[in-house]
């Protein structure tokens, strides 16, 4: 079994369609989506890691 991890830079308020398009173009199965939550100055997500099973 092989896995690939993708880093996807994201602005949660603007990039919903961009994320949908990226996920729909993946060949394998999405195993997990892991958000990177930054605590300063307010909590927000600046990128997500997407684990794909090939």
C-alpha atoms as a PDB file:
ATOM      1  CA  UNK A   1       0.000   0.000   0.000  1.00  0.00           C
ATOM      2  CA  UNK A   2       1.349   3.441  -0.913  1.00  0.00           C
ATOM      3  CA  UNK A   3       0.316   6.818   0.380  1.00  0.00           C
ATOM      4  CA  UNK A   4       0.977  10.331  -0.833  1.00  0.00           C
ATOM      5  CA  UNK A   5       0.658  13.479   1.275  1.00  0.00           C
ATOM      6  CA  UNK A   6      -0.320  16.738  -0.421  1.00  0.00           C
ATOM      7  CA  UNK A   7       0.001  20.195   1.132  1.00  0.00           C
ATOM      8  CA  UNK A   8      -2.819  22.486   0.027  1.00  0.00           C
ATOM      9  CA  UNK A   9      -2.498  26.185   0.929  1.00  0.00           C
ATOM     10  CA  UNK A  10      -5.935  27.561   1.603  1.00  0.00           C
ATOM     11  CA  UNK A  11      -7.902  30.590   2.653  1.00  0.00           C
ATOM     12  CA  UNK A  12     -11.048  29.117   4.156  1.00  0.00           C
ATOM     13  CA  UNK A  13     -13.187  32.047   3.017  1.00  0.00           C
ATOM     14  CA  UNK A  14     -12.053  32.036  -0.642  1.00  0.00           C
ATOM     15  CA  UNK A  15     -10.803  28.631  -1.729  1.00  0.00           C
ATOM     16  CA  UNK A  16     -13.715  26.206  -1.345  1.00  0.00           C
ATOM     17  CA  UNK A  17     -14.064  25.659  -5.110  1.00  0.00           C
ATOM     18  CA  UNK A  18     -10.288  25.303  -5.523  1.00  0.00           C
ATOM     19  CA  UNK A  19     -10.246  22.595  -2.822  1.00  0.00           C
ATOM     20  CA  UNK A  20     -13.244  20.795  -4.371  1.00  0.00           C
ATOM     21  CA  UNK A  21     -11.521  20.751  -7.754  1.00  0.00           C
ATOM     22  CA  UNK A  22      -8.275  19.441  -6.261  1.00  0.00           C
ATOM     23  CA  UNK A  23     -10.055  16.637  -4.371  1.00  0.00           C
ATOM     24  CA  UNK A  24     -12.073  15.598  -7.439  1.00  0.00           C
ATOM     25  CA  UNK A  25      -8.891  15.319  -9.527  1.00  0.00           C
ATOM     26  CA  UNK A  26      -7.146  12.909  -7.131  1.00  0.00           C
ATOM     27  CA  UNK A  27      -6.734   9.384  -8.499  1.00  0.00           C
ATOM     28  CA  UNK A  28      -6.635   7.530  -5.165  1.00  0.00           C
ATOM     29  CA  UNK A  29      -8.781   7.473  -2.046  1.00  0.00           C
ATOM     30  CA  UNK A  30      -8.637  10.362   0.433  1.00  0.00           C
ATOM     31  CA  UNK A  31      -7.738   8.881   3.817  1.00  0.00           C
ATOM     32  CA  UNK A  32      -7.502  12.080   5.878  1.00  0.00           C
ATOM     33  CA  UNK A  33      -7.590  15.847   5.679  1.00  0.00           C
ATOM     34  CA  UNK A  34      -5.529  17.448   8.446  1.00  0.00           C
ATOM     35  CA  UNK A  35      -5.879  21.210   9.000  1.00  0.00           C
ATOM     36  CA  UNK A  36      -3.021  23.373  10.275  1.00  0.00           C
ATOM     37  CA  UNK A  37      -4.663  25.685  12.796  1.00  0.00           C
ATOM     38  CA  UNK A  38      -2.671  28.801  13.715  1.00  0.00           C
ATOM     39  CA  UNK A  39      -3.378  30.413  17.085  1.00  0.00           C
ATOM     40  CA  UNK A  40      -2.241  33.973  16.308  1.00  0.00           C
ATOM     41  CA  UNK A  41      -3.774  36.571  16.024  1.00  0.00           C
ATOM     42  CA  UNK A  42      -6.981  34.518  15.821  1.00  0.00           C
ATOM     43  CA  UNK A  43      -7.553  30.852  15.075  1.00  0.00           C
ATOM     44  CA  UNK A  44      -7.566  30.120  11.350  1.00  0.00           C
ATOM     45  CA  UNK A  45      -6.481  27.416   8.914  1.00  0.00           C
ATOM     46  CA  UNK A  46      -3.704  28.392   6.497  1.00  0.00           C
ATOM     47  CA  UNK A  47      -3.140  24.997   4.884  1.00  0.00           C
ATOM     48  CA  UNK A  48      -4.351  21.413   4.998  1.00  0.00           C
ATOM     49  CA  UNK A  49      -2.510  18.153   4.524  1.00  0.00           C
ATOM     50  CA  UNK A  50      -4.382  15.645   2.392  1.00  0.00           C
ATOM     51  CA  UNK A  51      -3.409  11.975   2.711  1.00  0.00           C
ATOM     52  CA  UNK A  52      -4.171   9.973  -0.414  1.00  0.00           C
ATOM     53  CA  UNK A  53      -4.048   6.159  -0.631  1.00  0.00           C
ATOM     54  CA  UNK A  54      -2.781   5.162  -4.062  1.00  0.00           C
END
